[in-house]
Amino acid sequence: MANYRVIDPQGTVVETKEISSSEDAHAWFKDSKSDNEELGWRLEVEHDGEWAFFSASEGTED
């Protein structure tokens, strides 16, 4: 299990969750964004106590 967090375009952590797979984390990220068209949403994963980039919104349906 790994900790993931969703960050909005303003840099605010919206939600943090422990998830078992990267595929599930990406699906959770897509569901967590309030506006799927807005650019700048980020998903980060915690690794060895540090947060690292995992995915970002790019204004597409994915």
N, C-alpha and C. Protein backbone atom coordinates (compact mmCIF):
# COMPACT_ATOMS: atom_id res chain seq x y z
N MET A 1 0.85 -1.18 0.00
CA MET A 1 0.00 0.00 0.00
C MET A 1 0.89 1.24 0.00
N ALA A 2 0.42 2.25 -0.68
CA ALA A 2 1.16 3.52 -0.73
C ALA A 2 0.18 4.66 -0.47
N ASN A 3 0.68 5.77 0.05
CA ASN A 3 -0.14 6.97 0.24
C ASN A 3 -0.07 7.82 -1.02
N TYR A 4 -1.24 8.27 -1.45
CA TYR A 4 -1.37 9.16 -2.60
C TYR A 4 -2.11 10.40 -2.14
N ARG A 5 -1.86 11.53 -2.81
CA ARG A 5 -2.62 12.73 -2.51
C ARG A 5 -2.94 13.48 -3.80
N VAL A 6 -4.11 14.11 -3.79
CA VAL A 6 -4.57 14.93 -4.91
C VAL A 6 -4.36 16.38 -4.53
N ILE A 7 -3.76 17.14 -5.46
CA ILE A 7 -3.48 18.56 -5.24
C ILE A 7 -4.18 19.36 -6.33
N ASP A 8 -4.94 20.38 -5.93
CA ASP A 8 -5.67 21.20 -6.90
C ASP A 8 -4.72 22.19 -7.59
N PRO A 9 -5.20 22.90 -8.62
CA PRO A 9 -4.35 23.82 -9.36
C PRO A 9 -3.76 24.96 -8.51
N GLN A 10 -4.34 25.25 -7.36
CA GLN A 10 -3.83 26.30 -6.49
C GLN A 10 -2.78 25.76 -5.52
N GLY A 11 -2.53 24.44 -5.53
CA GLY A 11 -1.52 23.84 -4.66
C GLY A 11 -2.04 23.32 -3.34
N THR A 12 -3.36 23.28 -3.18
CA THR A 12 -3.97 22.79 -1.95
C THR A 12 -4.17 21.28 -2.02
N VAL A 13 -3.78 20.58 -0.97
CA VAL A 13 -4.03 19.14 -0.90
C VAL A 13 -5.52 18.95 -0.67
N VAL A 14 -6.17 18.28 -1.60
CA VAL A 14 -7.62 18.07 -1.55
C VAL A 14 -7.96 16.81 -0.76
N GLU A 15 -7.18 15.75 -0.96
CA GLU A 15 -7.46 14.49 -0.28
C GLU A 15 -6.21 13.63 -0.30
N THR A 16 -6.05 12.81 0.72
CA THR A 16 -4.96 11.85 0.82
C THR A 16 -5.58 10.49 1.11
N LYS A 17 -5.03 9.45 0.46
CA LYS A 17 -5.61 8.12 0.64
C LYS A 17 -4.53 7.05 0.45
N GLU A 18 -4.63 5.96 1.22
CA GLU A 18 -3.75 4.82 1.06
C GLU A 18 -4.39 3.88 0.04
N ILE A 19 -3.65 3.54 -1.02
CA ILE A 19 -4.19 2.76 -2.13
C ILE A 19 -3.18 1.66 -2.48
N SER A 20 -3.68 0.48 -2.86
CA SER A 20 -2.81 -0.67 -3.08
C SER A 20 -2.15 -0.73 -4.45
N SER A 21 -2.74 -0.10 -5.48
CA SER A 21 -2.14 -0.19 -6.81
C SER A 21 -2.13 1.17 -7.50
N SER A 22 -1.18 1.33 -8.41
CA SER A 22 -1.09 2.60 -9.14
C SER A 22 -2.29 2.79 -10.06
N GLU A 23 -2.85 1.70 -10.59
CA GLU A 23 -4.03 1.81 -11.45
C GLU A 23 -5.23 2.33 -10.65
N ASP A 24 -5.40 1.80 -9.44
CA ASP A 24 -6.49 2.27 -8.57
C ASP A 24 -6.27 3.72 -8.17
N ALA A 25 -5.01 4.09 -7.94
CA ALA A 25 -4.69 5.47 -7.57
C ALA A 25 -5.04 6.42 -8.71
N HIS A 26 -4.74 6.05 -9.93
CA HIS A 26 -5.05 6.91 -11.06
C HIS A 26 -6.56 7.06 -11.24
N ALA A 27 -7.31 5.98 -11.07
CA ALA A 27 -8.77 6.05 -11.16
C ALA A 27 -9.32 6.94 -10.06
N TRP A 28 -8.79 6.84 -8.85
CA TRP A 28 -9.22 7.69 -7.73
C TRP A 28 -8.92 9.15 -8.04
N PHE A 29 -7.74 9.41 -8.63
CA PHE A 29 -7.36 10.77 -9.01
C PHE A 29 -8.37 11.36 -9.98
N LYS A 30 -8.74 10.62 -11.01
CA LYS A 30 -9.71 11.13 -11.98
C LYS A 30 -11.05 11.43 -11.32
N ASP A 31 -11.47 10.60 -10.38
CA ASP A 31 -12.74 10.80 -9.68
C ASP A 31 -12.68 11.95 -8.67
N SER A 32 -11.48 12.26 -8.17
CA SER A 32 -11.32 13.28 -7.12
C SER A 32 -11.33 14.70 -7.65
N LYS A 33 -11.03 14.88 -8.93
CA LYS A 33 -10.99 16.23 -9.49
C LYS A 33 -12.41 16.77 -9.60
N SER A 34 -12.62 17.99 -9.12
CA SER A 34 -13.97 18.56 -9.16
C SER A 34 -14.36 19.01 -10.57
N ASP A 35 -13.38 19.38 -11.39
CA ASP A 35 -13.64 19.84 -12.75
C ASP A 35 -12.65 19.15 -13.67
N ASN A 36 -13.12 18.16 -14.41
CA ASN A 36 -12.23 17.38 -15.26
C ASN A 36 -11.61 18.18 -16.39
N GLU A 37 -12.09 19.36 -16.68
CA GLU A 37 -11.54 20.18 -17.75
C GLU A 37 -10.45 21.12 -17.27
N GLU A 38 -10.35 21.33 -15.97
CA GLU A 38 -9.39 22.29 -15.44
C GLU A 38 -7.99 21.68 -15.42
N LEU A 39 -7.02 22.41 -15.94
CA LEU A 39 -5.63 21.97 -15.94
C LEU A 39 -4.98 22.20 -14.59
N GLY A 40 -3.92 21.48 -14.30
CA GLY A 40 -3.12 21.76 -13.13
C GLY A 40 -3.35 20.88 -11.92
N TRP A 41 -4.29 19.93 -11.98
CA TRP A 41 -4.48 18.99 -10.88
C TRP A 41 -3.31 18.02 -10.89
N ARG A 42 -2.83 17.62 -9.70
CA ARG A 42 -1.69 16.70 -9.61
C ARG A 42 -2.00 15.55 -8.66
N LEU A 43 -1.41 14.43 -8.96
CA LEU A 43 -1.44 13.27 -8.07
C LEU A 43 -0.01 13.00 -7.67
N GLU A 44 0.22 12.87 -6.37
CA GLU A 44 1.55 12.58 -5.86
C GLU A 44 1.50 11.31 -5.02
N VAL A 45 2.64 10.63 -4.96
CA VAL A 45 2.78 9.42 -4.16
C VAL A 45 3.88 9.65 -3.13
N GLU A 46 3.67 9.10 -1.94
CA GLU A 46 4.67 9.22 -0.89
C GLU A 46 5.64 8.04 -0.98
N HIS A 47 6.93 8.36 -1.03
CA HIS A 47 7.96 7.33 -1.12
C HIS A 47 9.08 7.69 -0.16
N ASP A 48 9.33 6.83 0.82
CA ASP A 48 10.37 7.06 1.83
C ASP A 48 10.19 8.41 2.53
N GLY A 49 8.94 8.78 2.82
CA GLY A 49 8.65 10.00 3.54
C GLY A 49 8.65 11.26 2.70
N GLU A 50 8.90 11.14 1.41
CA GLU A 50 8.90 12.29 0.49
C GLU A 50 7.78 12.13 -0.54
N TRP A 51 7.15 13.25 -0.90
CA TRP A 51 6.09 13.22 -1.92
C TRP A 51 6.71 13.44 -3.29
N ALA A 52 6.27 12.64 -4.27
CA ALA A 52 6.80 12.73 -5.63
C ALA A 52 5.65 12.78 -6.63
N PHE A 53 5.86 13.46 -7.73
CA PHE A 53 4.89 13.55 -8.81
C PHE A 53 4.53 12.16 -9.31
N PHE A 54 3.23 11.94 -9.58
CA PHE A 54 2.78 10.67 -10.12
C PHE A 54 1.99 10.87 -11.41
N SER A 55 1.11 11.87 -11.45
CA SER A 55 0.28 12.14 -12.62
C SER A 55 -0.26 13.55 -12.53
N ALA A 56 -0.73 14.08 -13.68
CA ALA A 56 -1.31 15.42 -13.71
C ALA A 56 -2.44 15.47 -14.71
N SER A 57 -3.38 16.39 -14.48
CA SER A 57 -4.45 16.61 -15.43
C SER A 57 -3.92 17.42 -16.59
N GLU A 58 -4.40 17.11 -17.78
CA GLU A 58 -3.95 17.84 -18.96
C GLU A 58 -5.13 18.35 -19.78
N GLY A 59 -6.31 18.41 -19.17
CA GLY A 59 -7.46 18.94 -19.86
C GLY A 59 -8.09 17.98 -20.84
N THR A 60 -7.83 16.67 -20.69
CA THR A 60 -8.42 15.67 -21.57
C THR A 60 -9.37 14.80 -20.77
N GLU A 61 -10.07 13.92 -21.44
CA GLU A 61 -11.00 13.03 -20.75
C GLU A 61 -10.27 12.00 -19.90
N ASP A 62 -8.99 11.79 -20.13
CA ASP A 62 -8.21 10.85 -19.31
C ASP A 62 -7.76 11.54 -18.09
